[in-house]
């Protein structure tokens, strides 16, 4: 899609839209995560569906990151010859990849079960992983996209 655009603004302005949608998905996911983490209002019979919804949101979010957003960010950095950003991206991926494993493990455990006995602990571990992931992703956006905004204008 973006590869067919003629000008830098057409080409890389679309990355902003992709990032905006992705960050909105992150926010929506976090809202549900926070609701599930409120164990004062814990109702096991209602949480099963919410946990499965969170699983789907987590997988969709991480997939979009790996297969759409990161790819576009790297392409943008390459287009602008930003070798420093690409080098930093490699380092940031080493922080992001283990969080993907945590997300997939959480999904595998909760997608098909109503056994929520370990949910509190698993949500805590997931929250730690998400915090690490979001910090690395935010840095990735800063060094690979925000750094080129003026060049696109």
N, C-alpha and C. Protein backbone atom coordinates (compact mmCIF):
# COMPACT_ATOMS: atom_id res chain seq x y z
N UNK A 1 0.82 -1.18 0.00
CA UNK A 1 0.00 0.00 0.00
C UNK A 1 0.87 1.25 0.00
N UNK A 2 1.68 1.44 1.04
CA UNK A 2 2.47 2.66 1.14
C UNK A 2 3.57 2.72 0.09
N UNK A 3 4.03 1.58 -0.37
CA UNK A 3 5.11 1.55 -1.34
C UNK A 3 4.71 2.18 -2.67
N UNK A 4 3.42 2.28 -2.96
CA UNK A 4 2.94 2.81 -4.23
C UNK A 4 2.80 4.33 -4.22
N UNK A 5 2.99 4.98 -3.10
CA UNK A 5 2.84 6.42 -3.01
C UNK A 5 4.03 7.14 -3.64
N UNK A 6 3.75 8.27 -4.26
CA UNK A 6 4.79 8.97 -5.03
C UNK A 6 5.66 9.90 -4.19
N UNK A 7 5.07 10.67 -3.31
CA UNK A 7 5.85 11.64 -2.54
C UNK A 7 6.10 11.13 -1.13
N UNK A 8 7.09 11.75 -0.47
CA UNK A 8 7.40 11.36 0.91
C UNK A 8 6.19 11.58 1.81
N UNK A 9 5.50 12.69 1.61
CA UNK A 9 4.32 12.97 2.45
C UNK A 9 3.25 11.90 2.24
N UNK A 10 3.00 11.54 0.99
CA UNK A 10 2.02 10.49 0.72
C UNK A 10 2.48 9.18 1.32
N UNK A 11 3.75 8.90 1.15
CA UNK A 11 4.29 7.61 1.55
C UNK A 11 4.36 7.47 3.06
N UNK A 12 4.97 8.42 3.73
CA UNK A 12 5.23 8.25 5.15
C UNK A 12 4.17 8.91 6.03
N UNK A 13 3.34 9.78 5.46
CA UNK A 13 2.20 10.30 6.22
C UNK A 13 1.24 9.18 6.59
N UNK A 14 1.14 8.15 5.71
CA UNK A 14 0.29 7.00 5.99
C UNK A 14 0.77 6.18 7.18
N UNK A 15 2.06 6.24 7.45
CA UNK A 15 2.59 5.53 8.62
C UNK A 15 1.99 6.11 9.89
N UNK A 16 1.81 7.43 9.91
CA UNK A 16 1.20 8.06 11.08
C UNK A 16 -0.20 7.51 11.35
N UNK A 17 -0.97 7.31 10.28
CA UNK A 17 -2.32 6.75 10.44
C UNK A 17 -2.26 5.32 10.99
N UNK A 18 -1.33 4.54 10.48
CA UNK A 18 -1.17 3.16 10.96
C UNK A 18 -0.80 3.18 12.45
N UNK A 19 0.13 4.04 12.81
CA UNK A 19 0.56 4.15 14.21
C UNK A 19 -0.59 4.62 15.08
N UNK A 20 -1.34 5.62 14.61
CA UNK A 20 -2.48 6.13 15.39
C UNK A 20 -3.50 5.04 15.67
N UNK A 21 -3.85 4.24 14.65
CA UNK A 21 -4.82 3.15 14.85
C UNK A 21 -4.27 2.11 15.82
N UNK A 22 -2.98 1.83 15.68
CA UNK A 22 -2.33 0.84 16.54
C UNK A 22 -2.30 1.31 17.99
N UNK A 23 -2.00 2.58 18.19
CA UNK A 23 -1.96 3.11 19.56
C UNK A 23 -3.37 3.19 20.16
N UNK A 24 -4.39 3.41 19.32
CA UNK A 24 -5.76 3.37 19.81
C UNK A 24 -6.13 1.96 20.25
N UNK A 25 -5.69 0.97 19.48
CA UNK A 25 -5.92 -0.43 19.87
C UNK A 25 -5.22 -0.72 21.19
N UNK A 26 -4.03 -0.15 21.38
CA UNK A 26 -3.30 -0.33 22.66
C UNK A 26 -4.12 0.25 23.80
N UNK A 27 -4.65 1.45 23.61
CA UNK A 27 -5.44 2.08 24.66
C UNK A 27 -6.68 1.26 25.00
N UNK A 28 -7.38 0.79 23.97
CA UNK A 28 -8.58 -0.03 24.20
C UNK A 28 -8.22 -1.30 24.97
N UNK A 29 -7.10 -1.91 24.60
CA UNK A 29 -6.64 -3.11 25.28
C UNK A 29 -6.32 -2.82 26.75
N UNK A 30 -5.68 -1.68 26.99
CA UNK A 30 -5.32 -1.32 28.36
C UNK A 30 -6.55 -1.05 29.23
N UNK A 31 -7.58 -0.48 28.64
CA UNK A 31 -8.82 -0.23 29.39
C UNK A 31 -9.39 -1.56 29.88
N UNK A 32 -9.46 -2.54 28.99
CA UNK A 32 -9.97 -3.85 29.39
C UNK A 32 -9.04 -4.52 30.40
N UNK A 33 -7.73 -4.42 30.17
CA UNK A 33 -6.76 -4.98 31.11
C UNK A 33 -6.99 -4.40 32.51
N UNK A 34 -7.17 -3.10 32.61
CA UNK A 34 -7.38 -2.44 33.91
C UNK A 34 -8.68 -2.91 34.56
N UNK A 35 -9.73 -3.07 33.76
CA UNK A 35 -11.00 -3.57 34.31
C UNK A 35 -10.83 -4.97 34.89
N UNK A 36 -10.08 -5.80 34.17
CA UNK A 36 -9.85 -7.17 34.66
C UNK A 36 -8.95 -7.19 35.89
N UNK A 37 -8.09 -6.22 35.99
CA UNK A 37 -7.15 -6.16 37.12
C UNK A 37 -7.78 -5.61 38.38
N UNK A 38 -9.01 -5.12 38.30
CA UNK A 38 -9.73 -4.60 39.47
C UNK A 38 -10.39 -5.77 40.19
N UNK A 39 -9.62 -6.40 41.06
CA UNK A 39 -10.11 -7.61 41.72
C UNK A 39 -11.10 -7.33 42.85
N UNK A 40 -11.31 -6.06 43.18
CA UNK A 40 -12.36 -5.73 44.13
C UNK A 40 -13.72 -5.97 43.50
N UNK A 41 -13.78 -5.85 42.17
CA UNK A 41 -15.03 -6.05 41.44
C UNK A 41 -15.02 -7.38 40.69
N UNK A 42 -14.18 -8.31 41.13
CA UNK A 42 -14.00 -9.57 40.41
C UNK A 42 -15.25 -10.44 40.47
N UNK A 43 -15.75 -10.78 39.29
CA UNK A 43 -16.90 -11.67 39.15
C UNK A 43 -16.52 -12.77 38.16
N UNK A 44 -16.08 -13.93 38.68
CA UNK A 44 -15.56 -14.99 37.81
C UNK A 44 -16.49 -15.37 36.66
N UNK A 45 -17.79 -15.38 36.91
CA UNK A 45 -18.70 -15.80 35.84
C UNK A 45 -18.75 -14.79 34.70
N UNK A 46 -18.39 -13.54 34.95
CA UNK A 46 -18.38 -12.53 33.89
C UNK A 46 -16.99 -12.32 33.30
N UNK A 47 -15.98 -12.73 34.01
CA UNK A 47 -14.61 -12.45 33.56
C UNK A 47 -14.13 -13.37 32.45
N UNK A 48 -14.71 -14.55 32.31
CA UNK A 48 -14.26 -15.48 31.28
C UNK A 48 -14.31 -14.87 29.89
N UNK A 49 -15.46 -14.27 29.55
CA UNK A 49 -15.60 -13.64 28.24
C UNK A 49 -14.66 -12.44 28.09
N UNK A 50 -14.50 -11.67 29.16
CA UNK A 50 -13.61 -10.51 29.11
C UNK A 50 -12.16 -10.93 28.93
N UNK A 51 -11.77 -12.01 29.58
CA UNK A 51 -10.40 -12.51 29.45
C UNK A 51 -10.16 -12.97 28.01
N UNK A 52 -11.13 -13.67 27.43
CA UNK A 52 -10.99 -14.11 26.04
C UNK A 52 -10.93 -12.91 25.08
N UNK A 53 -11.70 -11.89 25.37
CA UNK A 53 -11.63 -10.67 24.56
C UNK A 53 -10.26 -10.03 24.68
N UNK A 54 -9.74 -9.98 25.91
CA UNK A 54 -8.39 -9.44 26.11
C UNK A 54 -7.37 -10.25 25.34
N UNK A 55 -7.50 -11.56 25.38
CA UNK A 55 -6.57 -12.43 24.62
C UNK A 55 -6.56 -12.04 23.15
N UNK A 56 -7.74 -11.89 22.57
CA UNK A 56 -7.83 -11.55 21.15
C UNK A 56 -7.22 -10.18 20.88
N UNK A 57 -7.48 -9.23 21.77
CA UNK A 57 -6.92 -7.88 21.61
C UNK A 57 -5.39 -7.91 21.70
N UNK A 58 -4.87 -8.70 22.63
CA UNK A 58 -3.42 -8.82 22.79
C UNK A 58 -2.77 -9.40 21.54
N UNK A 59 -3.35 -10.47 21.01
CA UNK A 59 -2.80 -11.11 19.82
C UNK A 59 -2.91 -10.17 18.61
N UNK A 60 -4.04 -9.51 18.46
CA UNK A 60 -4.21 -8.58 17.34
C UNK A 60 -3.20 -7.44 17.43
N UNK A 61 -3.05 -6.89 18.64
CA UNK A 61 -2.12 -5.77 18.84
C UNK A 61 -0.68 -6.18 18.55
N UNK A 62 -0.25 -7.30 19.11
CA UNK A 62 1.14 -7.71 18.90
C UNK A 62 1.38 -8.11 17.45
N UNK A 63 0.39 -8.73 16.80
CA UNK A 63 0.53 -9.08 15.39
C UNK A 63 0.64 -7.84 14.52
N UNK A 64 -0.20 -6.85 14.77
CA UNK A 64 -0.12 -5.60 14.01
C UNK A 64 1.24 -4.94 14.20
N UNK A 65 1.76 -5.01 15.42
CA UNK A 65 3.09 -4.44 15.66
C UNK A 65 4.14 -5.15 14.84
N UNK A 66 4.19 -6.45 14.94
CA UNK A 66 5.23 -7.22 14.26
C UNK A 66 5.10 -7.20 12.74
N UNK A 67 3.87 -7.31 12.23
CA UNK A 67 3.70 -7.52 10.80
C UNK A 67 3.31 -6.27 10.02
N UNK A 68 3.00 -5.19 10.73
CA UNK A 68 2.61 -3.97 10.02
C UNK A 68 3.42 -2.78 10.49
N UNK A 69 3.31 -2.43 11.75
CA UNK A 69 3.90 -1.20 12.25
C UNK A 69 5.42 -1.24 12.21
N UNK A 70 6.04 -2.26 12.81
CA UNK A 70 7.50 -2.32 12.85
C UNK A 70 8.07 -2.33 11.43
N UNK A 71 7.42 -3.08 10.56
CA UNK A 71 7.88 -3.17 9.17
C UNK A 71 7.86 -1.80 8.50
N UNK A 72 6.79 -1.06 8.68
CA UNK A 72 6.70 0.28 8.09
C UNK A 72 7.75 1.22 8.70
N UNK A 73 7.97 1.12 9.99
CA UNK A 73 8.97 1.97 10.64
C UNK A 73 10.37 1.69 10.10
N UNK A 74 10.69 0.42 9.93
CA UNK A 74 12.01 0.07 9.40
C UNK A 74 12.13 0.56 7.95
N UNK A 75 11.09 0.38 7.17
CA UNK A 75 11.12 0.85 5.78
C UNK A 75 11.33 2.36 5.72
N UNK A 76 10.68 3.07 6.60
CA UNK A 76 10.83 4.53 6.65
C UNK A 76 12.27 4.90 7.00
N UNK A 77 12.81 4.26 8.02
CA UNK A 77 14.19 4.56 8.43
C UNK A 77 15.16 4.24 7.30
N UNK A 78 14.94 3.15 6.60
CA UNK A 78 15.80 2.79 5.47
C UNK A 78 15.70 3.84 4.36
N UNK A 79 14.48 4.27 4.08
CA UNK A 79 14.26 5.27 3.02
C UNK A 79 15.01 6.56 3.32
N UNK A 80 15.08 6.93 4.58
CA UNK A 80 15.77 8.15 4.98
C UNK A 80 17.24 7.90 5.32
N UNK A 81 17.70 6.67 5.12
CA UNK A 81 19.11 6.35 5.38
C UNK A 81 19.50 6.48 6.83
N UNK A 82 18.57 6.22 7.73
CA UNK A 82 18.79 6.40 9.16
C UNK A 82 19.35 5.11 9.78
N UNK A 83 20.65 4.89 9.58
CA UNK A 83 21.27 3.66 10.07
C UNK A 83 21.31 3.61 11.60
N UNK A 84 21.40 4.77 12.25
CA UNK A 84 21.39 4.78 13.72
C UNK A 84 20.06 4.27 14.25
N UNK A 85 18.97 4.70 13.63
CA UNK A 85 17.64 4.25 14.06
C UNK A 85 17.48 2.75 13.84
N UNK A 86 17.98 2.26 12.74
CA UNK A 86 17.89 0.82 12.45
C UNK A 86 18.69 0.02 13.47
N UNK A 87 19.86 0.51 13.82
CA UNK A 87 20.67 -0.17 14.85
C UNK A 87 19.96 -0.18 16.20
N UNK A 88 19.36 0.95 16.55
CA UNK A 88 18.63 1.00 17.82
C UNK A 88 17.40 0.10 17.78
N UNK A 89 16.78 0.00 16.61
CA UNK A 89 15.61 -0.87 16.47
C UNK A 89 15.97 -2.32 16.78
N UNK A 90 17.12 -2.75 16.32
CA UNK A 90 17.57 -4.12 16.59
C UNK A 90 17.66 -4.35 18.09
N UNK A 91 18.20 -3.39 18.81
CA UNK A 91 18.29 -3.48 20.27
C UNK A 91 16.91 -3.48 20.91
N UNK A 92 16.02 -2.64 20.40
CA UNK A 92 14.67 -2.57 20.97
C UNK A 92 13.89 -3.86 20.72
N UNK A 93 14.11 -4.49 19.59
CA UNK A 93 13.44 -5.77 19.31
C UNK A 93 13.81 -6.82 20.34
N UNK A 94 15.03 -6.77 20.85
CA UNK A 94 15.43 -7.75 21.87
C UNK A 94 14.65 -7.55 23.16
N UNK A 95 14.09 -6.38 23.36
CA UNK A 95 13.23 -6.13 24.52
C UNK A 95 11.78 -6.49 24.22
N UNK A 96 11.38 -6.32 22.98
CA UNK A 96 10.00 -6.57 22.59
C UNK A 96 9.72 -8.07 22.45
N UNK A 97 10.63 -8.80 21.84
CA UNK A 97 10.40 -10.22 21.55
C UNK A 97 10.00 -11.06 22.77
N UNK A 98 10.68 -10.92 23.92
CA UNK A 98 10.25 -11.73 25.06
C UNK A 98 8.84 -11.38 25.55
N UNK A 99 8.41 -10.15 25.34
CA UNK A 99 7.06 -9.78 25.76
C UNK A 99 6.02 -10.44 24.86
N UNK A 100 6.38 -10.70 23.62
CA UNK A 100 5.48 -11.42 22.72
C UNK A 100 5.25 -12.83 23.25
N UNK A 101 6.30 -13.45 23.78
CA UNK A 101 6.15 -14.79 24.37
C UNK A 101 5.19 -14.76 25.55
N UNK A 102 5.27 -13.73 26.38
CA UNK A 102 4.37 -13.61 27.53
C UNK A 102 2.93 -13.46 27.04
N UNK A 103 2.73 -12.63 26.02
CA UNK A 103 1.39 -12.43 25.46
C UNK A 103 0.84 -13.75 24.91
N UNK A 104 1.65 -14.45 24.15
CA UNK A 104 1.19 -15.70 23.55
C UNK A 104 0.93 -16.77 24.61
N UNK A 105 1.76 -16.81 25.65
CA UNK A 105 1.53 -17.76 26.75
C UNK A 105 0.21 -17.45 27.46
N UNK A 106 -0.04 -16.16 27.72
CA UNK A 106 -1.29 -15.75 28.36
C UNK A 106 -2.47 -16.16 27.47
N UNK A 107 -2.36 -15.88 26.19
CA UNK A 107 -3.42 -16.26 25.25
C UNK A 107 -3.65 -17.77 25.25
N UNK A 108 -2.57 -18.52 25.15
CA UNK A 108 -2.71 -19.98 25.12
C UNK A 108 -3.38 -20.51 26.38
N UNK A 109 -3.09 -19.89 27.50
CA UNK A 109 -3.64 -20.37 28.76
C UNK A 109 -5.12 -20.00 28.93
N UNK A 110 -5.51 -18.80 28.49
CA UNK A 110 -6.84 -18.30 28.81
C UNK A 110 -7.83 -18.25 27.66
N UNK A 111 -7.39 -18.47 26.45
CA UNK A 111 -8.31 -18.36 25.31
C UNK A 111 -9.42 -19.41 25.36
N UNK A 112 -9.14 -20.58 25.87
CA UNK A 112 -10.10 -21.68 25.82
C UNK A 112 -10.49 -22.21 27.20
N UNK A 113 -10.32 -21.42 28.25
CA UNK A 113 -10.63 -21.94 29.58
C UNK A 113 -11.41 -20.92 30.40
N UNK A 114 -12.14 -21.44 31.37
CA UNK A 114 -12.80 -20.59 32.35
C UNK A 114 -12.15 -20.74 33.72
N UNK A 115 -11.03 -21.45 33.79
CA UNK A 115 -10.28 -21.62 35.03
C UNK A 115 -9.46 -20.35 35.27
N UNK A 116 -9.94 -19.52 36.16
CA UNK A 116 -9.31 -18.22 36.40
C UNK A 116 -8.56 -18.16 37.72
N UNK A 117 -8.21 -19.33 38.28
CA UNK A 117 -7.55 -19.37 39.58
C UNK A 117 -6.23 -18.60 39.61
N UNK A 118 -5.48 -18.64 38.53
CA UNK A 118 -4.17 -17.98 38.50
C UNK A 118 -4.22 -16.63 37.78
N UNK A 119 -5.42 -16.15 37.48
CA UNK A 119 -5.55 -14.94 36.68
C UNK A 119 -4.86 -13.73 37.31
N UNK A 120 -5.04 -13.54 38.60
CA UNK A 120 -4.43 -12.38 39.27
C UNK A 120 -2.92 -12.35 39.04
N UNK A 121 -2.25 -13.46 39.28
CA UNK A 121 -0.80 -13.54 39.10
C UNK A 121 -0.42 -13.38 37.62
N UNK A 122 -1.17 -14.02 36.75
CA UNK A 122 -0.86 -13.95 35.33
C UNK A 122 -1.07 -12.54 34.78
N UNK A 123 -2.10 -11.85 35.25
CA UNK A 123 -2.31 -10.46 34.83
C UNK A 123 -1.17 -9.57 35.31
N UNK A 124 -0.65 -9.85 36.48
CA UNK A 124 0.48 -9.08 37.00
C UNK A 124 1.71 -9.27 36.11
N UNK A 125 2.00 -10.51 35.76
CA UNK A 125 3.14 -10.79 34.87
C UNK A 125 2.92 -10.18 33.49
N UNK A 126 1.70 -10.27 33.00
CA UNK A 126 1.37 -9.67 31.71
C UNK A 126 1.55 -8.15 31.77
N UNK A 127 1.12 -7.54 32.85
CA UNK A 127 1.27 -6.09 33.01
C UNK A 127 2.73 -5.66 32.98
N UNK A 128 3.58 -6.43 33.64
CA UNK A 128 5.02 -6.12 33.61
C UNK A 128 5.57 -6.21 32.18
N UNK A 129 5.15 -7.24 31.46
CA UNK A 129 5.61 -7.42 30.09
C UNK A 129 5.10 -6.29 29.20
N UNK A 130 3.84 -5.91 29.38
CA UNK A 130 3.28 -4.83 28.57
C UNK A 130 3.98 -3.51 28.84
N UNK A 131 4.32 -3.26 30.08
CA UNK A 131 5.04 -2.03 30.41
C UNK A 131 6.38 -1.98 29.68
N UNK A 132 7.10 -3.08 29.69
CA UNK A 132 8.38 -3.17 28.99
C UNK A 132 8.17 -2.99 27.49
N UNK A 133 7.18 -3.67 26.96
CA UNK A 133 6.90 -3.61 25.52
C UNK A 133 6.54 -2.19 25.09
N UNK A 134 5.65 -1.55 25.82
CA UNK A 134 5.19 -0.22 25.42
C UNK A 134 6.34 0.79 25.46
N UNK A 135 7.21 0.68 26.44
CA UNK A 135 8.36 1.59 26.51
C UNK A 135 9.26 1.40 25.29
N UNK A 136 9.51 0.16 24.92
CA UNK A 136 10.36 -0.13 23.76
C UNK A 136 9.67 0.32 22.47
N UNK A 137 8.38 0.07 22.36
CA UNK A 137 7.65 0.49 21.16
C UNK A 137 7.61 2.01 21.03
N UNK A 138 7.40 2.68 22.14
CA UNK A 138 7.37 4.15 22.10
C UNK A 138 8.72 4.70 21.65
N UNK A 139 9.79 4.08 22.13
CA UNK A 139 11.13 4.50 21.71
C UNK A 139 11.33 4.20 20.22
N UNK A 140 10.84 3.07 19.78
CA UNK A 140 10.93 2.69 18.38
C UNK A 140 10.24 3.74 17.49
N UNK A 141 9.07 4.16 17.88
CA UNK A 141 8.35 5.20 17.14
C UNK A 141 9.13 6.50 17.15
N UNK A 142 9.69 6.84 18.28
CA UNK A 142 10.44 8.10 18.40
C UNK A 142 11.66 8.11 17.50
N UNK A 143 12.42 7.04 17.47
CA UNK A 143 13.68 7.06 16.70
C UNK A 143 13.47 6.72 15.23
N UNK A 144 12.39 6.04 14.89
CA UNK A 144 12.24 5.61 13.50
C UNK A 144 11.16 6.37 12.74
N UNK A 145 10.32 7.10 13.43
CA UNK A 145 9.26 7.84 12.73
C UNK A 145 9.27 9.32 13.09
N UNK A 146 9.17 9.60 14.37
CA UNK A 146 9.10 11.02 14.78
C UNK A 146 10.33 11.79 14.33
N UNK A 147 11.47 11.13 14.25
CA UNK A 147 12.70 11.80 13.83
C UNK A 147 12.63 12.26 12.37
N UNK A 148 11.72 11.71 11.59
CA UNK A 148 11.62 12.05 10.16
C UNK A 148 10.43 12.93 9.82
N UNK A 149 9.64 13.32 10.82
CA UNK A 149 8.43 14.10 10.55
C UNK A 149 8.73 15.36 9.75
N UNK A 150 9.76 16.07 10.11
CA UNK A 150 10.10 17.32 9.41
C UNK A 150 10.52 17.06 7.97
N UNK A 151 11.08 15.92 7.70
CA UNK A 151 11.53 15.58 6.35
C UNK A 151 10.34 15.23 5.45
N UNK A 152 9.24 14.81 6.05
CA UNK A 152 8.07 14.41 5.30
C UNK A 152 7.24 15.63 4.89
N UNK A 153 7.24 16.65 5.73
CA UNK A 153 6.36 17.84 5.53
C UNK A 153 6.56 18.53 4.22
